[in-house]
Amino acid sequence: MSLLLLRKTLELQAANITGLVQSAAPASAPSNPPHLGNHIDVMA
């Protein structure tokens, strides 16, 4: 009986982890203007 309970618990944990991984938002590209960082002013 305890092995069946352990097996069921592991299955539930695997399902929860799968759900969390799928719901995690993928990293999106930063929404900076396209001209940002193209030129560096080095005059001091």
N, C-alpha and C. Protein backbone atom coordinates (compact mmCIF):
# COMPACT_ATOMS: atom_id res chain seq x y z
N MET A 1 0.83 -1.20 0.00
CA MET A 1 0.00 0.00 0.00
C MET A 1 0.87 1.26 0.00
N SER A 2 1.95 1.26 0.78
CA SER A 2 2.79 2.45 0.85
C SER A 2 3.51 2.69 -0.47
N LEU A 3 3.85 1.62 -1.20
CA LEU A 3 4.49 1.80 -2.51
C LEU A 3 3.52 2.42 -3.50
N LEU A 4 2.28 2.03 -3.43
CA LEU A 4 1.26 2.60 -4.31
C LEU A 4 1.09 4.09 -4.01
N LEU A 5 1.08 4.44 -2.74
CA LEU A 5 0.95 5.84 -2.34
C LEU A 5 2.16 6.65 -2.80
N LEU A 6 3.35 6.09 -2.64
CA LEU A 6 4.57 6.77 -3.09
C LEU A 6 4.55 6.97 -4.60
N ARG A 7 4.13 5.96 -5.32
CA ARG A 7 4.07 6.05 -6.78
C ARG A 7 3.09 7.14 -7.22
N LYS A 8 1.93 7.18 -6.57
CA LYS A 8 0.93 8.18 -6.92
C LYS A 8 1.44 9.58 -6.60
N THR A 9 2.13 9.73 -5.48
CA THR A 9 2.69 11.02 -5.10
C THR A 9 3.71 11.49 -6.13
N LEU A 10 4.58 10.59 -6.58
CA LEU A 10 5.58 10.95 -7.58
C LEU A 10 4.93 11.33 -8.90
N GLU A 11 3.86 10.65 -9.27
CA GLU A 11 3.15 10.99 -10.51
C GLU A 11 2.54 12.39 -10.41
N LEU A 12 1.97 12.71 -9.25
CA LEU A 12 1.37 14.03 -9.06
C LEU A 12 2.44 15.12 -9.10
N GLN A 13 3.58 14.86 -8.49
CA GLN A 13 4.66 15.85 -8.50
C GLN A 13 5.17 16.07 -9.92
N ALA A 14 5.30 15.00 -10.69
CA ALA A 14 5.75 15.12 -12.07
C ALA A 14 4.75 15.94 -12.88
N ALA A 15 3.46 15.71 -12.65
CA ALA A 15 2.44 16.46 -13.37
C ALA A 15 2.49 17.94 -12.98
N ASN A 16 2.70 18.23 -11.71
CA ASN A 16 2.79 19.62 -11.25
C ASN A 16 3.99 20.32 -11.86
N ILE A 17 5.13 19.63 -11.89
CA ILE A 17 6.34 20.23 -12.46
C ILE A 17 6.14 20.49 -13.95
N THR A 18 5.52 19.56 -14.64
CA THR A 18 5.27 19.75 -16.07
C THR A 18 4.38 20.96 -16.30
N GLY A 19 3.36 21.12 -15.48
CA GLY A 19 2.47 22.27 -15.60
C GLY A 19 3.19 23.58 -15.34
N LEU A 20 4.08 23.59 -14.34
CA LEU A 20 4.83 24.81 -14.04
C LEU A 20 5.77 25.18 -15.17
N VAL A 21 6.44 24.19 -15.74
CA VAL A 21 7.38 24.45 -16.83
C VAL A 21 6.63 24.98 -18.04
N GLN A 22 5.47 24.42 -18.34
CA GLN A 22 4.71 24.86 -19.51
C GLN A 22 4.12 26.25 -19.30
N SER A 23 3.80 26.60 -18.06
CA SER A 23 3.19 27.91 -17.82
C SER A 23 4.22 29.02 -17.69
N ALA A 24 5.48 28.67 -17.56
CA ALA A 24 6.53 29.70 -17.45
C ALA A 24 6.62 30.45 -18.77
N ALA A 25 6.60 31.76 -18.69
CA ALA A 25 6.65 32.58 -19.91
C ALA A 25 8.06 32.54 -20.49
N PRO A 26 8.17 32.36 -21.77
CA PRO A 26 9.51 32.39 -22.39
C PRO A 26 10.08 33.80 -22.32
N ALA A 27 11.38 33.89 -22.25
CA ALA A 27 12.04 35.20 -22.18
C ALA A 27 11.81 35.96 -23.48
N SER A 28 11.26 37.15 -23.35
CA SER A 28 10.98 37.94 -24.55
C SER A 28 12.14 38.89 -24.82
N ALA A 29 12.26 39.30 -26.05
CA ALA A 29 13.31 40.23 -26.43
C ALA A 29 13.01 41.60 -25.81
N PRO A 30 14.04 42.32 -25.41
CA PRO A 30 13.79 43.65 -24.84
C PRO A 30 13.16 44.58 -25.88
N SER A 31 12.29 45.46 -25.41
CA SER A 31 11.56 46.34 -26.33
C SER A 31 12.21 47.72 -26.39
N ASN A 32 13.52 47.74 -26.57
CA ASN A 32 14.23 49.01 -26.70
C ASN A 32 14.11 49.52 -28.13
N PRO A 33 14.26 50.84 -28.32
CA PRO A 33 14.25 51.37 -29.69
C PRO A 33 15.41 50.79 -30.50
N PRO A 34 15.22 50.61 -31.80
CA PRO A 34 16.27 49.97 -32.62
C PRO A 34 17.55 50.78 -32.71
N HIS A 35 17.48 52.11 -32.50
CA HIS A 35 18.67 52.95 -32.61
C HIS A 35 19.49 52.98 -31.32
N LEU A 36 18.96 52.43 -30.25
CA LEU A 36 19.63 52.51 -28.96
C LEU A 36 20.92 51.70 -28.95
N GLY A 37 22.02 52.34 -28.60
CA GLY A 37 23.29 51.66 -28.48
C GLY A 37 24.10 51.57 -29.76
N ASN A 38 23.66 52.22 -30.84
CA ASN A 38 24.41 52.15 -32.09
C ASN A 38 25.61 53.08 -32.10
N HIS A 39 25.55 54.20 -31.39
CA HIS A 39 26.63 55.18 -31.40
C HIS A 39 27.06 55.47 -29.97
N ILE A 40 28.37 55.58 -29.77
CA ILE A 40 28.91 55.90 -28.46
C ILE A 40 29.69 57.20 -28.57
N ASP A 41 29.35 58.17 -27.75
CA ASP A 41 30.05 59.45 -27.74
C ASP A 41 31.22 59.34 -26.77
N VAL A 42 32.45 59.39 -27.32
CA VAL A 42 33.62 59.21 -26.47
C VAL A 42 34.33 60.52 -26.15
N MET A 43 33.79 61.66 -26.56
CA MET A 43 34.42 62.95 -26.27
C MET A 43 34.23 63.30 -24.80
N ALA A 44 35.32 63.67 -24.15
CA ALA A 44 35.23 64.04 -22.74
C ALA A 44 35.58 65.50 -22.55
